Amino acid sequence: MTDTLPDTAVLDTALQMVEVWNRLSADKQALLLKRFGTQENALAALVTTQLLAAPSSLTSF
């Protein structure tokens, strides 16, 4: 057994992260970019925060 996800799971996760980013308002995107420096860092923080808050909270964006 390996500790890595199959390629399709990684791709699906990346696509979901892009969808979350695209649903954010321009103001929220700008605020996240200012705080975290890059879109990748901002998304990672956003997704991590939402996953820790509640399993269904990603649908609230």
Protein backbone atom coordinates (compact mmCIF):
# COMPACT_ATOMS: atom_id res chain seq x y z
CA MET A 1 0.00 0.00 0.00
CA THR A 2 1.28 3.47 -0.83
CA ASP A 3 0.74 6.79 0.93
CA THR A 4 -0.06 8.66 -2.29
CA LEU A 5 -3.41 9.24 -3.92
CA PRO A 6 -4.05 7.96 -7.42
CA ASP A 7 -3.47 10.56 -10.12
CA THR A 8 -7.20 10.93 -10.74
CA ALA A 9 -7.86 11.82 -7.10
CA VAL A 10 -5.15 14.49 -7.17
CA LEU A 11 -6.59 15.94 -10.38
CA ASP A 12 -10.14 15.89 -8.99
CA THR A 13 -8.97 17.68 -5.86
CA ALA A 14 -7.15 20.34 -7.89
CA LEU A 15 -10.23 20.92 -10.05
CA GLN A 16 -12.42 21.27 -6.97
CA MET A 17 -10.00 23.82 -5.54
CA VAL A 18 -10.16 25.86 -8.75
CA GLU A 19 -13.97 25.73 -8.62
CA VAL A 20 -13.92 27.03 -5.05
CA TRP A 21 -11.59 29.86 -6.06
CA ASN A 22 -13.80 30.81 -9.01
CA ARG A 23 -16.89 31.00 -6.78
CA LEU A 24 -15.23 33.55 -4.49
CA SER A 25 -15.90 37.22 -5.07
CA ALA A 26 -13.07 39.34 -6.43
CA ASP A 27 -12.81 41.04 -3.02
CA LYS A 28 -12.38 37.70 -1.21
CA GLN A 29 -9.81 36.56 -3.77
CA ALA A 30 -7.84 39.78 -3.32
CA LEU A 31 -7.96 39.50 0.47
CA LEU A 32 -6.73 35.89 0.37
CA LEU A 33 -3.96 36.76 -2.09
CA LYS A 34 -2.83 39.64 0.10
CA ARG A 35 -2.70 37.43 3.17
CA PHE A 36 -1.20 34.26 1.67
CA GLY A 37 0.83 35.58 -1.28
CA THR A 38 -0.21 33.11 -3.98
CA GLN A 39 -3.43 31.54 -5.18
CA GLU A 40 -2.09 28.10 -4.30
CA ASN A 41 -1.30 29.12 -0.72
CA ALA A 42 -4.62 30.90 -0.35
CA LEU A 43 -6.56 27.89 -1.62
CA ALA A 44 -4.65 25.49 0.58
CA ALA A 45 -5.42 27.62 3.65
CA LEU A 46 -9.03 28.09 2.64
CA VAL A 47 -9.67 24.43 1.94
CA THR A 48 -7.84 23.31 5.07
CA THR A 49 -9.81 25.73 7.22
CA GLN A 50 -13.09 24.61 5.70
CA LEU A 51 -12.28 20.93 6.04
CA LEU A 52 -11.42 21.42 9.70
CA ALA A 53 -14.58 23.48 10.34
CA ALA A 54 -17.16 21.02 8.96
CA PRO A 55 -17.27 18.36 6.25
CA SER A 56 -20.06 20.04 4.30
CA SER A 57 -18.83 23.64 4.62
CA LEU A 58 -17.12 23.76 1.20
CA THR A 59 -20.54 24.02 -0.41
CA SER A 60 -21.19 27.35 1.35
CA PHE A 61 -18.98 29.50 -0.90
